[in-house]
Amino acid sequence: MKKQYAFHVDTERCIGCFTCAMACRNYYHQVEGVVWRQVHPLSEEIYPHRERAFLSLSCNHCEHPACLNVCPVEAYTKREDGVVVHHQEKCIGCGNCIRSCPYGAPKYNPVEKRAEKCSLCHERLDAGLKPACVQACPTDALQLIDLAEFTETNEVQYPAGYPRMEELNPSTRFVLPQTPKMVRR
């Protein structure tokens, strides 16, 4: 397998503090209403416990990205390291990428009248730095991994409630929350 950078989301460690989302927003200064990273509490249907569990979600940098395949002006490229980059200067705002991504990663910027999305802080990666969201996570729940070298086996690609799109092969991996332990006195 060739290099494929990916987000690794550990729901056992995530406390739902939104620091990752705020770091992304602070770094890129997205306009109001445009969010590239979101933190979602797992619904009670998926995780029926008093303690809460969260998923921090952004672009999955898929192996076969739908956004790249439907763009009529080649505003998307996939780098050698697997990062799917959106080139906003090429975007014509047609919305094909927004409609085609089952994970809702590309967002419409009403000020620029173009799409935009997480590009995994590729400029930071090139400088030897972690993505802003990963660097900001206070519990190390969000990590950057290379799937070509990743050997952990307790991760899942499609947690409950997550669209199963095998033809896209999303790169994000998840550690699922465990059932809380009952302590009796």
C-alpha atoms as a PDB file:
ATOM      1  CA  MET A   1       0.000   0.000   0.000  1.00  0.00           C
ATOM      2  CA  LYS A   2       1.281   3.440  -0.856  1.00  0.00           C
ATOM      3  CA  LYS A   3       1.294   6.293   1.631  1.00  0.00           C
ATOM      4  CA  GLN A   4      -2.177   7.412   2.720  1.00  0.00           C
ATOM      5  CA  TYR A   5      -2.471   9.984   5.460  1.00  0.00           C
ATOM      6  CA  ALA A   6      -5.625   9.631   7.522  1.00  0.00           C
ATOM      7  CA  PHE A   7      -7.317  10.918  10.639  1.00  0.00           C
ATOM      8  CA  HIS A   8      -7.512   8.514  13.573  1.00  0.00           C
ATOM      9  CA  VAL A   9     -10.402   9.306  15.912  1.00  0.00           C
ATOM     10  CA  ASP A  10     -10.364   7.636  19.339  1.00  0.00           C
ATOM     11  CA  THR A  11     -13.865   8.005  20.792  1.00  0.00           C
ATOM     12  CA  GLU A  12     -12.629   6.589  24.103  1.00  0.00           C
ATOM     13  CA  ARG A  13     -10.384   9.639  24.498  1.00  0.00           C
ATOM     14  CA  CYS A  14     -12.556  12.338  22.892  1.00  0.00           C
ATOM     15  CA  ILE A  15     -14.276  14.509  25.490  1.00  0.00           C
ATOM     16  CA  GLY A  16     -16.285  16.572  22.991  1.00  0.00           C
ATOM     17  CA  CYS A  17     -14.456  19.812  23.811  1.00  0.00           C
ATOM     18  CA  PHE A  18     -14.512  21.124  20.209  1.00  0.00           C
ATOM     19  CA  THR A  19     -10.864  22.229  20.449  1.00  0.00           C
ATOM     20  CA  CYS A  20     -10.150  20.492  17.123  1.00  0.00           C
ATOM     21  CA  ALA A  21     -12.963  22.370  15.385  1.00  0.00           C
ATOM     22  CA  MET A  22     -11.894  25.663  16.937  1.00  0.00           C
ATOM     23  CA  ALA A  23      -8.262  25.109  15.913  1.00  0.00           C
ATOM     24  CA  CYS A  24      -9.350  24.524  12.315  1.00  0.00           C
ATOM     25  CA  ARG A  25     -11.489  27.639  12.366  1.00  0.00           C
ATOM     26  CA  ASN A  26      -8.735  29.743  13.928  1.00  0.00           C
ATOM     27  CA  TYR A  27      -6.162  28.540  11.431  1.00  0.00           C
ATOM     28  CA  TYR A  28      -8.229  29.002   8.257  1.00  0.00           C
ATOM     29  CA  HIS A  29     -10.661  31.754   9.326  1.00  0.00           C
ATOM     30  CA  GLN A  30     -13.672  30.210   7.617  1.00  0.00           C
ATOM     31  CA  VAL A  31     -16.635  32.521   7.134  1.00  0.00           C
ATOM     32  CA  GLU A  32     -19.583  32.256   9.494  1.00  0.00           C
ATOM     33  CA  GLY A  33     -21.592  29.109   8.844  1.00  0.00           C
ATOM     34  CA  VAL A  34     -18.778  27.258   7.065  1.00  0.00           C
ATOM     35  CA  VAL A  35     -17.244  24.504   9.197  1.00  0.00           C
ATOM     36  CA  TRP A  36     -14.657  21.996   7.970  1.00  0.00           C
ATOM     37  CA  ARG A  37     -14.444  19.946  11.190  1.00  0.00           C
ATOM     38  CA  GLN A  38     -17.410  19.104  13.378  1.00  0.00           C
ATOM     39  CA  VAL A  39     -17.815  17.218  16.636  1.00  0.00           C
ATOM     40  CA  HIS A  40     -20.936  15.081  16.845  1.00  0.00           C
ATOM     41  CA  PRO A  41     -22.255  13.406  19.996  1.00  0.00           C
ATOM     42  CA  LEU A  42     -23.246   9.816  19.297  1.00  0.00           C
ATOM     43  CA  SER A  43     -26.996   9.456  19.466  1.00  0.00           C
ATOM     44  CA  GLU A  44     -28.624   7.390  22.195  1.00  0.00           C
ATOM     45  CA  GLU A  45     -29.686   4.850  19.557  1.00  0.00           C
ATOM     46  CA  ILE A  46     -26.000   4.179  18.817  1.00  0.00           C
ATOM     47  CA  TYR A  47     -24.524   4.655  22.300  1.00  0.00           C
ATOM     48  CA  PRO A  48     -27.294   4.226  24.925  1.00  0.00           C
ATOM     49  CA  HIS A  49     -25.405   5.286  28.051  1.00  0.00           C
ATOM     50  CA  ARG A  50     -25.456   8.283  30.367  1.00  0.00           C
ATOM     51  CA  GLU A  51     -21.808   9.058  29.518  1.00  0.00           C
ATOM     52  CA  ARG A  52     -21.497  10.655  26.113  1.00  0.00           C
ATOM     53  CA  ALA A  53     -19.234   9.692  23.238  1.00  0.00           C
ATOM     54  CA  PHE A  54     -18.267  11.903  20.315  1.00  0.00           C
ATOM     55  CA  LEU A  55     -17.026  11.680  16.750  1.00  0.00           C
ATOM     56  CA  SER A  56     -14.759  14.432  15.447  1.00  0.00           C
ATOM     57  CA  LEU A  57     -15.358  14.476  11.692  1.00  0.00           C
ATOM     58  CA  SER A  58     -13.883  16.229   8.704  1.00  0.00           C
ATOM     59  CA  CYS A  59     -12.905  15.251   5.167  1.00  0.00           C
ATOM     60  CA  ASN A  60     -11.996  11.561   4.939  1.00  0.00           C
ATOM     61  CA  HIS A  61      -9.415  12.015   2.165  1.00  0.00           C
ATOM     62  CA  CYS A  62     -10.870   8.961   0.443  1.00  0.00           C
ATOM     63  CA  GLU A  63      -8.847   6.615  -1.715  1.00  0.00           C
ATOM     64  CA  HIS A  64     -11.309   7.283  -4.567  1.00  0.00           C
ATOM     65  CA  PRO A  65     -12.774  10.694  -3.686  1.00  0.00           C
ATOM     66  CA  ALA A  66     -16.192  11.476  -5.142  1.00  0.00           C
ATOM     67  CA  CYS A  67     -15.453  15.206  -5.023  1.00  0.00           C
ATOM     68  CA  LEU A  68     -12.427  14.804  -7.276  1.00  0.00           C
ATOM     69  CA  ASN A  69     -14.256  12.574  -9.733  1.00  0.00           C
ATOM     70  CA  VAL A  70     -17.225  14.929 -10.294  1.00  0.00           C
ATOM     71  CA  CYS A  71     -15.407  18.258 -10.464  1.00  0.00           C
ATOM     72  CA  PRO A  72     -15.722  19.648 -14.025  1.00  0.00           C
ATOM     73  CA  VAL A  73     -12.765  22.061 -13.673  1.00  0.00           C
ATOM     74  CA  GLU A  74     -10.270  19.813 -11.850  1.00  0.00           C
ATOM     75  CA  ALA A  75     -10.331  21.940  -8.708  1.00  0.00           C
ATOM     76  CA  TYR A  76      -9.417  18.819  -6.690  1.00  0.00           C
ATOM     77  CA  THR A  77      -6.140  16.942  -6.707  1.00  0.00           C
ATOM     78  CA  LYS A  78      -4.908  13.965  -4.731  1.00  0.00           C
ATOM     79  CA  ARG A  79      -1.327  14.150  -3.533  1.00  0.00           C
ATOM     80  CA  GLU A  80       1.167  11.296  -3.338  1.00  0.00           C
ATOM     81  CA  ASP A  81       0.526  11.135   0.416  1.00  0.00           C
ATOM     82  CA  GLY A  82      -3.221  10.620  -0.126  1.00  0.00           C
ATOM     83  CA  VAL A  83      -4.325  14.121   0.848  1.00  0.00           C
ATOM     84  CA  VAL A  84      -7.216  15.398  -1.274  1.00  0.00           C
ATOM     85  CA  VAL A  85      -6.633  19.106  -1.864  1.00  0.00           C
ATOM     86  CA  HIS A  86      -9.261  21.563  -3.062  1.00  0.00           C
ATOM     87  CA  HIS A  87      -7.910  24.454  -5.140  1.00  0.00           C
ATOM     88  CA  GLN A  88     -10.456  27.161  -4.495  1.00  0.00           C
ATOM     89  CA  GLU A  89      -9.013  29.443  -7.180  1.00  0.00           C
ATOM     90  CA  LYS A  90     -10.117  26.895  -9.812  1.00  0.00           C
ATOM     91  CA  CYS A  91     -13.562  26.252  -8.300  1.00  0.00           C
ATOM     92  CA  ILE A  92     -16.574  27.613 -10.192  1.00  0.00           C
ATOM     93  CA  GLY A  93     -19.036  26.941  -7.364  1.00  0.00           C
ATOM     94  CA  CYS A  94     -21.149  24.423  -9.301  1.00  0.00           C
ATOM     95  CA  GLY A  95     -21.776  22.350  -6.149  1.00  0.00           C
ATOM     96  CA  ASN A  96     -21.152  18.950  -7.771  1.00  0.00           C
ATOM     97  CA  CYS A  97     -18.648  18.040  -5.047  1.00  0.00           C
ATOM     98  CA  ILE A  98     -21.017  19.120  -2.275  1.00  0.00           C
ATOM     99  CA  ARG A  99     -23.837  16.979  -3.671  1.00  0.00           C
ATOM    100  CA  SER A 100     -21.636  13.950  -4.391  1.00  0.00           C
ATOM    101  CA  CYS A 101     -19.787  13.572  -1.066  1.00  0.00           C
ATOM    102  CA  PRO A 102     -21.819  11.236   1.194  1.00  0.00           C
ATOM    103  CA  TYR A 103     -19.910  12.535   4.220  1.00  0.00           C
ATOM    104  CA  GLY A 104     -20.704  16.226   3.645  1.00  0.00           C
ATOM    105  CA  ALA A 105     -17.060  17.312   3.626  1.00  0.00           C
ATOM    106  CA  PRO A 106     -17.129  20.048   0.942  1.00  0.00           C
ATOM    107  CA  LYS A 107     -18.989  23.154   2.085  1.00  0.00           C
ATOM    108  CA  TYR A 108     -20.302  26.104   0.114  1.00  0.00           C
ATOM    109  CA  ASN A 109     -18.722  29.434   0.991  1.00  0.00           C
ATOM    110  CA  PRO A 110     -21.416  32.052   0.262  1.00  0.00           C
ATOM    111  CA  VAL A 111     -18.914  34.903   0.356  1.00  0.00           C
ATOM    112  CA  GLU A 112     -16.487  33.367  -2.142  1.00  0.00           C
ATOM    113  CA  LYS A 113     -19.342  31.610  -4.000  1.00  0.00           C
ATOM    114  CA  ARG A 114     -17.173  28.493  -4.179  1.00  0.00           C
ATOM    115  CA  ALA A 115     -16.789  25.179  -2.410  1.00  0.00           C
ATOM    116  CA  GLU A 116     -14.104  24.514   0.165  1.00  0.00           C
ATOM    117  CA  LYS A 117     -13.079  21.701   2.501  1.00  0.00           C
ATOM    118  CA  CYS A 118     -10.384  20.361   4.787  1.00  0.00           C
ATOM    119  CA  SER A 119      -7.124  19.772   2.923  1.00  0.00           C
ATOM    120  CA  LEU A 120      -5.526  18.097   5.960  1.00  0.00           C
ATOM    121  CA  CYS A 121      -3.361  21.203   6.496  1.00  0.00           C
ATOM    122  CA  HIS A 122      -1.113  20.006   3.650  1.00  0.00           C
ATOM    123  CA  GLU A 123       1.015  23.135   3.947  1.00  0.00           C
ATOM    124  CA  ARG A 124       1.651  22.276   7.610  1.00  0.00           C
ATOM    125  CA  LEU A 125       2.456  18.659   6.681  1.00  0.00           C
ATOM    126  CA  ASP A 126       4.984  19.911   4.127  1.00  0.00           C
ATOM    127  CA  ALA A 127       6.599  21.974   6.904  1.00  0.00           C
ATOM    128  CA  GLY A 128       6.842  18.908   9.173  1.00  0.00           C
ATOM    129  CA  LEU A 129       3.949  19.990  11.391  1.00  0.00           C
ATOM    130  CA  LYS A 130       0.752  18.221  12.415  1.00  0.00           C
ATOM    131  CA  PRO A 131      -2.631  19.426  11.137  1.00  0.00           C
ATOM    132  CA  ALA A 132      -3.995  22.225  13.327  1.00  0.00           C
ATOM    133  CA  CYS A 133      -6.854  20.069  14.650  1.00  0.00           C
ATOM    134  CA  VAL A 134      -4.514  17.201  15.589  1.00  0.00           C
ATOM    135  CA  GLN A 135      -2.012  19.493  17.267  1.00  0.00           C
ATOM    136  CA  ALA A 136      -4.748  21.167  19.315  1.00  0.00           C
ATOM    137  CA  CYS A 137      -6.434  18.009  20.664  1.00  0.00           C
ATOM    138  CA  PRO A 138      -5.793  18.038  24.451  1.00  0.00           C
ATOM    139  CA  THR A 139      -6.455  14.299  24.901  1.00  0.00           C
ATOM    140  CA  ASP A 140      -4.704  12.940  21.768  1.00  0.00           C
ATOM    141  CA  ALA A 141      -8.065  11.609  20.631  1.00  0.00           C
ATOM    142  CA  LEU A 142      -7.380  12.942  17.147  1.00  0.00           C
ATOM    143  CA  GLN A 143      -4.210  11.707  15.474  1.00  0.00           C
ATOM    144  CA  LEU A 144      -2.650  11.694  12.029  1.00  0.00           C
ATOM    145  CA  ILE A 145      -1.699   8.239  10.782  1.00  0.00           C
ATOM    146  CA  ASP A 146      -0.298   6.735   7.612  1.00  0.00           C
ATOM    147  CA  LEU A 147      -2.494   3.777   6.696  1.00  0.00           C
ATOM    148  CA  ALA A 148       0.454   2.144   4.877  1.00  0.00           C
ATOM    149  CA  GLU A 149       2.297   1.844   8.205  1.00  0.00           C
ATOM    150  CA  PHE A 150      -0.655   1.567  10.580  1.00  0.00           C
ATOM    151  CA  THR A 151      -0.862  -1.823  12.269  1.00  0.00           C
ATOM    152  CA  GLU A 152      -3.474  -1.406  15.034  1.00  0.00           C
ATOM    153  CA  THR A 153      -6.352  -3.834  14.749  1.00  0.00           C
ATOM    154  CA  ASN A 154      -9.071  -2.485  17.043  1.00  0.00           C
ATOM    155  CA  GLU A 155     -10.111   0.314  14.675  1.00  0.00           C
ATOM    156  CA  VAL A 156     -13.131   0.410  12.397  1.00  0.00           C
ATOM    157  CA  GLN A 157     -13.684   2.229   9.141  1.00  0.00           C
ATOM    158  CA  TYR A 158     -17.459   2.479   9.371  1.00  0.00           C
ATOM    159  CA  PRO A 159     -18.835   3.145  12.856  1.00  0.00           C
ATOM    160  CA  ALA A 160     -22.594   2.871  13.406  1.00  0.00           C
ATOM    161  CA  GLY A 161     -24.470   5.635  11.628  1.00  0.00           C
ATOM    162  CA  TYR A 162     -21.591   6.346   9.248  1.00  0.00           C
ATOM    163  CA  PRO A 163     -22.275   5.902   5.507  1.00  0.00           C
ATOM    164  CA  ARG A 164     -20.689   2.699   4.267  1.00  0.00           C
ATOM    165  CA  MET A 165     -19.191   3.740   0.919  1.00  0.00           C
ATOM    166  CA  GLU A 166     -16.708   1.014   0.049  1.00  0.00           C
ATOM    167  CA  GLU A 167     -16.202   2.339  -3.495  1.00  0.00           C
ATOM    168  CA  LEU A 168     -14.786   5.576  -2.010  1.00  0.00           C
ATOM    169  CA  ASN A 169     -12.739   3.834   0.717  1.00  0.00           C
ATOM    170  CA  PRO A 170     -12.653   6.705   3.250  1.00  0.00           C
ATOM    171  CA  SER A 171      -9.346   6.822   5.108  1.00  0.00           C
ATOM    172  CA  THR A 172     -10.509   7.923   8.583  1.00  0.00           C
ATOM    173  CA  ARG A 173     -10.277   5.198  11.235  1.00  0.00           C
ATOM    174  CA  PHE A 174     -12.165   5.078  14.529  1.00  0.00           C
ATOM    175  CA  VAL A 175     -11.727   3.510  17.927  1.00  0.00           C
ATOM    176  CA  LEU A 176     -15.260   2.855  19.139  1.00  0.00           C
ATOM    177  CA  PRO A 177     -16.423   3.749  22.653  1.00  0.00           C
ATOM    178  CA  GLN A 178     -16.567   0.926  25.163  1.00  0.00           C
ATOM    179  CA  THR A 179     -19.559   0.165  27.319  1.00  0.00           C
ATOM    180  CA  PRO A 180     -19.193   2.046  30.628  1.00  0.00           C
ATOM    181  CA  LYS A 181     -18.265  -0.135  33.588  1.00  0.00           C
ATOM    182  CA  MET A 182     -20.701  -0.385  36.483  1.00  0.00           C
ATOM    183  CA  VAL A 183     -19.136   0.190  39.878  1.00  0.00           C
ATOM    184  CA  ARG A 184     -21.124  -1.062  42.865  1.00  0.00           C
ATOM    185  CA  ARG A 185     -20.347  -0.167  46.448  1.00  0.00           C
END
